Structure formats: structure tokens, C-alpha cells
Amino acid sequence: MITAFDKKTATGGNRRERKKEDTKLKIINVALRLFQGQSFDVTTMEQIADEADIAKGTLYNYFPVKEAIISEYWQNSVDELKPQAAKLIQSLPDTKARLNSLFKKTAEFLKAHQDITNAYIRYRMQGMGNCERNKSLRSGFEGILVSIISTGQKAGDIRQDINAEQLARYLEMMYLLVCLMWLSGPDMFPLEKNLKQMVDLFLSGAKSNREAK
């Protein structure tokens, strides 16, 4: 079940800015409800505007396409995940445990939001070049990976000849590929199993067990 986003409006800013933020959150919540009730693909921007009781032009001023609504929701969800990620770094013993715990949490979210996950990843892949040029379009998940990887580098269980940001990009691309495989065939590519394999491959490489020894 999709849970409507309920992030509190920032106390700073003037009344006009708070009203704009309230309108944006209203649009997101209405859209999520429609996506849940009748699927993402069936839902139209016109329906979202009608349900939110705003002019269609106003909706397009906030979000040019419905995929942009999903992207905004995704960024907000990642923001909510960041405090949990900080606790993972403090409470778990090494990088492998932290990454496995993080991806277990993300798998729970993805499986509960499969329809919008599919839409978001398609949208993200289409705009990959724009995301590289404009960091504001990214989900923010890469930043969580950077924190975990840089902590591992300081502890000595992650190589230091490649910076944490680059390693995080590699891992995020692996993550997107695993998600695409799962979406294309959930029974053939179980999400949790493949995420664990992904973490092992990222940390250990493709060497055979005999070589690794």
C-alpha cells in the first residue's frame, strides 16, 4: 500500500512560500492515492488536477509530467531514510552489514511500491544525463551510499584509491540494474537475493572463491 507523503512544511520562509509547499504536498498525496487506486499508467495529469482541486496550468507549473511527481516523492522518501542510515553506520560492525541492512530496507519499500518504482526508474534512466549535470534531480540515495562507503574507507575495509563518490555511483548503477531485472521478472529475479549478491559482488569483485583465498 502506498503511504501518502506527510512531510511537515518548513517553518522558515514567507507565507507565499509555505502556501506553495502546501500545494505541492497536496498534489503529491492526491497523485499517490490515484496511482494506488488505478495504477500509475492509467492516471492522467487532468485527473490529478481535478482531484487536487487546482487548475491544470497550476499543476503543470509544479510538475511538468506525472513522473516528476514520483521523482519528488522519491527524493522526500530518501530524505526520511537518511536518519536511519546514520544509525546503521553507528550500530553495525562493517560495510557489508551496513549495505545489506540498507538494501533490505529499500527492498521492503520497493516491493510495497512496485508500480511507482517502475515508473520512477524508467524516468530516471531516461534523464540520466540530466541527473549527472543537475544534482537536484537526483534522489539523494547516492549520498547515503557515500556516507557508508567513506566510513568503510576510514575503517580500512573499502579500498581508498577510488574516491567514495565514484564508488557510490558504481554501486547505485548496480542497484538500478538489479531493480530493472526484478521489475522485468520478479519470480525469475528475486529482489532480496539479487541485492545480497550485488553487495557481495561490489565488495569482493568477480574473483573465484579460490582466488579470493
Foldseek 3Di string as FASTA:
>chain_A
DDDQDDDDQDPDDDPVVSVVVVLLSLLLRLLSVVCVPPNNVVDALVVSCVSSVHDSVVSCVNPVGVLVSLLVVLLVVVVVCQVVLVVLLVPDDALLSSQLVVQVVVLVVCVVVVRSVVSNLVVCVVCVVVCVVPVVSDSCVLVSQLVSQVSRVVVPQHDDPDHSSVLSVVLVVLLSVLSVVCSVPVVVRPNSVSSSVSSCCSRQNDDDPVVSD
